[in-house]
Amino acid sequence: MNLYDILRRPLITEKAMSKKESERTLCFEVPVEANKTQIRAAVEKIFKVQVEDVRTSVVPGKLRRRGRFAGYRPEWKKAYVKLKPGQKMPEFVEV
């Protein structure tokens, strides 16, 4: 798996930005099959920083309806990556 396939996109939400400022933690959307060691290696290689801790959570898909038809969105995985003290925080551009 390619490094850029592991880190699909940074999550730029209010909660993620507050975690970034207060806890030195970055938040990414990653594939469900990616594990913590792959996520750690990808962040260290792409952003050239040292990672202290990686936490992951699988977000279940929501029920969505279109009239009388119902289905579920796919589940996805979120990774919280905490950087070691003294590491420079990468900046994301909000689009």
N, C-alpha and C. Protein backbone atom coordinates (compact mmCIF):
# COMPACT_ATOMS: atom_id res chain seq x y z
N MET A 1 0.84 -1.18 0.00
CA MET A 1 0.00 0.00 0.00
C MET A 1 0.89 1.25 0.00
N ASN A 2 0.56 2.22 -0.82
CA ASN A 2 1.29 3.47 -0.94
C ASN A 2 1.08 4.33 0.31
N LEU A 3 2.05 5.19 0.64
CA LEU A 3 1.91 6.07 1.80
C LEU A 3 0.71 6.98 1.68
N TYR A 4 0.47 7.49 0.48
CA TYR A 4 -0.65 8.40 0.27
C TYR A 4 -1.99 7.67 0.19
N ASP A 5 -1.96 6.34 0.03
CA ASP A 5 -3.19 5.55 0.12
C ASP A 5 -3.59 5.35 1.58
N ILE A 6 -2.60 5.33 2.48
CA ILE A 6 -2.88 5.13 3.89
C ILE A 6 -3.50 6.39 4.49
N LEU A 7 -2.93 7.55 4.22
CA LEU A 7 -3.49 8.80 4.71
C LEU A 7 -4.38 9.38 3.61
N ARG A 8 -5.66 9.07 3.66
CA ARG A 8 -6.58 9.52 2.60
C ARG A 8 -6.75 11.03 2.60
N ARG A 9 -7.04 11.59 3.78
CA ARG A 9 -7.20 13.04 3.87
C ARG A 9 -7.15 13.45 5.34
N PRO A 10 -6.68 14.67 5.61
CA PRO A 10 -6.75 15.15 6.99
C PRO A 10 -8.18 15.58 7.30
N LEU A 11 -8.61 15.34 8.53
CA LEU A 11 -9.94 15.77 8.94
C LEU A 11 -9.82 17.17 9.52
N ILE A 12 -10.48 18.12 8.87
CA ILE A 12 -10.42 19.51 9.29
C ILE A 12 -11.79 19.87 9.85
N THR A 13 -12.02 19.47 11.08
CA THR A 13 -13.27 19.77 11.77
C THR A 13 -12.94 20.60 13.01
N GLU A 14 -13.96 21.10 13.66
CA GLU A 14 -13.75 21.91 14.86
C GLU A 14 -13.06 21.09 15.96
N LYS A 15 -13.50 19.85 16.13
CA LYS A 15 -12.91 18.98 17.14
C LYS A 15 -11.45 18.66 16.80
N ALA A 16 -11.18 18.37 15.53
CA ALA A 16 -9.81 18.03 15.12
C ALA A 16 -8.87 19.22 15.27
N MET A 17 -9.34 20.43 14.98
CA MET A 17 -8.50 21.62 15.12
C MET A 17 -8.22 21.92 16.59
N SER A 18 -9.20 21.70 17.46
CA SER A 18 -8.95 21.93 18.89
C SER A 18 -7.97 20.90 19.44
N LYS A 19 -8.06 19.64 18.98
CA LYS A 19 -7.10 18.61 19.40
C LYS A 19 -5.70 18.94 18.89
N LYS A 20 -5.62 19.50 17.69
CA LYS A 20 -4.33 19.86 17.10
C LYS A 20 -3.65 20.93 17.94
N GLU A 21 -4.40 21.93 18.38
CA GLU A 21 -3.83 23.03 19.14
C GLU A 21 -3.53 22.64 20.60
N SER A 22 -4.45 21.94 21.24
CA SER A 22 -4.29 21.68 22.67
C SER A 22 -3.49 20.41 22.97
N GLU A 23 -3.64 19.36 22.17
CA GLU A 23 -3.02 18.07 22.48
C GLU A 23 -1.93 17.64 21.50
N ARG A 24 -1.59 18.51 20.54
CA ARG A 24 -0.59 18.19 19.51
C ARG A 24 -0.94 16.89 18.78
N THR A 25 -2.22 16.76 18.41
CA THR A 25 -2.73 15.55 17.78
C THR A 25 -3.30 15.88 16.41
N LEU A 26 -2.91 15.11 15.41
CA LEU A 26 -3.44 15.25 14.06
C LEU A 26 -4.50 14.19 13.83
N CYS A 27 -5.48 14.49 12.99
CA CYS A 27 -6.58 13.58 12.74
C CYS A 27 -6.66 13.30 11.23
N PHE A 28 -6.71 12.02 10.86
CA PHE A 28 -6.74 11.62 9.45
C PHE A 28 -7.83 10.59 9.21
N GLU A 29 -8.35 10.57 7.97
CA GLU A 29 -9.18 9.46 7.52
C GLU A 29 -8.24 8.45 6.87
N VAL A 30 -8.36 7.19 7.29
CA VAL A 30 -7.48 6.13 6.79
C VAL A 30 -8.34 4.96 6.34
N PRO A 31 -7.80 4.04 5.53
CA PRO A 31 -8.57 2.85 5.15
C PRO A 31 -8.85 1.96 6.36
N VAL A 32 -9.94 1.23 6.31
CA VAL A 32 -10.33 0.36 7.42
C VAL A 32 -9.28 -0.72 7.65
N GLU A 33 -8.61 -1.17 6.59
CA GLU A 33 -7.64 -2.25 6.74
C GLU A 33 -6.24 -1.77 7.16
N ALA A 34 -6.02 -0.46 7.29
CA ALA A 34 -4.71 0.07 7.71
C ALA A 34 -4.54 -0.14 9.22
N ASN A 35 -3.31 -0.52 9.62
CA ASN A 35 -3.04 -0.70 11.05
C ASN A 35 -2.20 0.45 11.59
N LYS A 36 -1.97 0.44 12.89
CA LYS A 36 -1.31 1.57 13.55
C LYS A 36 0.14 1.75 13.10
N THR A 37 0.86 0.65 12.86
CA THR A 37 2.25 0.78 12.44
C THR A 37 2.36 1.38 11.03
N GLN A 38 1.43 1.03 10.14
CA GLN A 38 1.42 1.62 8.81
C GLN A 38 1.10 3.11 8.88
N ILE A 39 0.15 3.49 9.74
CA ILE A 39 -0.22 4.90 9.89
C ILE A 39 0.95 5.69 10.45
N ARG A 40 1.62 5.14 11.47
CA ARG A 40 2.78 5.81 12.06
C ARG A 40 3.89 6.03 11.03
N ALA A 41 4.19 5.00 10.25
CA ALA A 41 5.24 5.11 9.24
C ALA A 41 4.89 6.13 8.17
N ALA A 42 3.62 6.17 7.76
CA ALA A 42 3.20 7.12 6.73
C ALA A 42 3.31 8.56 7.21
N VAL A 43 2.87 8.83 8.43
CA VAL A 43 2.94 10.20 8.96
C VAL A 43 4.38 10.63 9.15
N GLU A 44 5.22 9.74 9.67
CA GLU A 44 6.63 10.08 9.89
C GLU A 44 7.35 10.35 8.56
N LYS A 45 7.03 9.58 7.54
CA LYS A 45 7.71 9.73 6.26
C LYS A 45 7.20 10.95 5.48
N ILE A 46 5.89 11.17 5.46
CA ILE A 46 5.32 12.27 4.66
C ILE A 46 5.62 13.63 5.30
N PHE A 47 5.38 13.76 6.61
CA PHE A 47 5.52 15.05 7.28
C PHE A 47 6.88 15.26 7.93
N LYS A 48 7.74 14.22 7.94
CA LYS A 48 9.08 14.28 8.53
C LYS A 48 9.03 14.73 10.00
N VAL A 49 8.20 14.04 10.77
CA VAL A 49 8.07 14.28 12.21
C VAL A 49 8.17 12.95 12.94
N GLN A 50 8.29 13.00 14.27
CA GLN A 50 8.32 11.79 15.08
C GLN A 50 6.98 11.65 15.80
N VAL A 51 6.42 10.44 15.73
CA VAL A 51 5.10 10.17 16.29
C VAL A 51 5.25 9.53 17.67
N GLU A 52 4.47 10.03 18.62
CA GLU A 52 4.48 9.45 19.97
C GLU A 52 3.44 8.34 20.11
N ASP A 53 2.22 8.58 19.59
CA ASP A 53 1.14 7.63 19.81
C ASP A 53 0.15 7.69 18.65
N VAL A 54 -0.47 6.54 18.34
CA VAL A 54 -1.51 6.46 17.31
C VAL A 54 -2.72 5.77 17.92
N ARG A 55 -3.88 6.42 17.81
CA ARG A 55 -5.14 5.83 18.25
C ARG A 55 -6.06 5.78 17.04
N THR A 56 -6.84 4.72 16.92
CA THR A 56 -7.75 4.58 15.79
C THR A 56 -9.15 4.27 16.28
N SER A 57 -10.12 4.62 15.47
CA SER A 57 -11.51 4.26 15.76
C SER A 57 -12.23 4.05 14.44
N VAL A 58 -13.10 3.06 14.41
CA VAL A 58 -13.90 2.78 13.22
C VAL A 58 -15.25 3.45 13.41
N VAL A 59 -15.60 4.33 12.47
CA VAL A 59 -16.86 5.06 12.53
C VAL A 59 -17.89 4.26 11.74
N PRO A 60 -18.97 3.83 12.38
CA PRO A 60 -19.97 3.03 11.66
C PRO A 60 -20.73 3.89 10.65
N GLY A 61 -21.18 3.24 9.57
CA GLY A 61 -21.93 3.94 8.54
C GLY A 61 -23.31 4.32 9.01
N LYS A 62 -23.79 5.48 8.57
CA LYS A 62 -25.10 5.97 8.98
C LYS A 62 -26.18 5.43 8.05
N LEU A 63 -27.37 5.30 8.58
CA LEU A 63 -28.53 4.92 7.78
C LEU A 63 -28.96 6.13 6.96
N ARG A 64 -29.10 5.96 5.65
CA ARG A 64 -29.55 7.02 4.76
C ARG A 64 -30.76 6.53 3.98
N ARG A 65 -31.74 7.42 3.83
CA ARG A 65 -32.97 7.06 3.13
C ARG A 65 -33.16 7.96 1.93
N ARG A 66 -33.69 7.40 0.87
CA ARG A 66 -34.14 8.13 -0.31
C ARG A 66 -35.57 7.67 -0.56
N GLY A 67 -36.53 8.41 0.00
CA GLY A 67 -37.91 7.99 -0.13
C GLY A 67 -38.16 6.71 0.64
N ARG A 68 -38.61 5.68 -0.06
CA ARG A 68 -38.88 4.41 0.63
C ARG A 68 -37.68 3.47 0.62
N PHE A 69 -36.60 3.87 -0.04
CA PHE A 69 -35.40 3.04 -0.09
C PHE A 69 -34.43 3.46 1.00
N ALA A 70 -33.86 2.50 1.69
CA ALA A 70 -32.93 2.78 2.78
C ALA A 70 -31.65 1.97 2.57
N GLY A 71 -30.56 2.55 3.00
CA GLY A 71 -29.27 1.87 2.92
C GLY A 71 -28.30 2.50 3.90
N TYR A 72 -27.14 1.91 4.02
CA TYR A 72 -26.13 2.40 4.94
C TYR A 72 -24.94 2.93 4.16
N ARG A 73 -24.37 4.03 4.66
CA ARG A 73 -23.10 4.51 4.13
C ARG A 73 -22.01 3.53 4.59
N PRO A 74 -20.89 3.47 3.87
CA PRO A 74 -19.83 2.56 4.31
C PRO A 74 -19.17 3.05 5.60
N GLU A 75 -18.66 2.11 6.40
CA GLU A 75 -17.94 2.51 7.60
C GLU A 75 -16.55 2.97 7.20
N TRP A 76 -15.95 3.83 8.01
CA TRP A 76 -14.62 4.35 7.72
C TRP A 76 -13.82 4.45 9.01
N LYS A 77 -12.52 4.60 8.87
CA LYS A 77 -11.63 4.59 10.02
C LYS A 77 -10.98 5.96 10.20
N LYS A 78 -10.87 6.36 11.47
CA LYS A 78 -10.29 7.64 11.83
C LYS A 78 -9.04 7.36 12.66
N ALA A 79 -7.95 8.11 12.41
CA ALA A 79 -6.72 7.93 13.16
C ALA A 79 -6.33 9.24 13.83
N TYR A 80 -6.06 9.17 15.14
CA TYR A 80 -5.54 10.30 15.90
C TYR A 80 -4.06 10.05 16.11
N VAL A 81 -3.21 10.94 15.59
CA VAL A 81 -1.76 10.76 15.65
C VAL A 81 -1.18 11.86 16.54
N LYS A 82 -0.60 11.47 17.67
CA LYS A 82 0.00 12.44 18.60
C LYS A 82 1.48 12.54 18.32
N LEU A 83 1.97 13.77 18.17
CA LEU A 83 3.38 14.00 17.88
C LEU A 83 4.18 14.13 19.16
N LYS A 84 5.47 13.81 19.08
CA LYS A 84 6.35 13.95 20.23
C LYS A 84 6.57 15.43 20.52
N PRO A 85 6.86 15.76 21.78
CA PRO A 85 7.12 17.17 22.12
C PRO A 85 8.31 17.71 21.34
N GLY A 86 8.20 18.96 20.89
CA GLY A 86 9.28 19.59 20.13
C GLY A 86 9.16 19.42 18.63
N GLN A 87 8.19 18.66 18.16
CA GLN A 87 8.00 18.45 16.72
C GLN A 87 7.15 19.58 16.15
N LYS A 88 7.47 19.98 14.92
CA LYS A 88 6.74 21.06 14.27
C LYS A 88 5.41 20.52 13.74
N MET A 89 4.32 21.24 14.04
CA MET A 89 2.99 20.82 13.58
C MET A 89 2.82 21.20 12.11
N PRO A 90 2.45 20.25 11.24
CA PRO A 90 2.18 20.61 9.85
C PRO A 90 0.89 21.42 9.74
N GLU A 91 0.87 22.34 8.80
CA GLU A 91 -0.31 23.18 8.58
C GLU A 91 -1.10 22.64 7.39
N PHE A 92 -2.43 22.59 7.54
CA PHE A 92 -3.31 22.15 6.48
C PHE A 92 -4.02 23.37 5.91
N VAL A 93 -4.27 23.34 4.62
CA VAL A 93 -5.00 24.43 3.98
C VAL A 93 -6.47 24.06 3.95
N GLU A 94 -7.32 24.94 4.47
CA GLU A 94 -8.76 24.70 4.43
C GLU A 94 -9.30 25.13 3.08
N VAL A 95 -10.06 24.26 2.46
CA VAL A 95 -10.63 24.57 1.14
C VAL A 95 -12.09 24.86 1.27
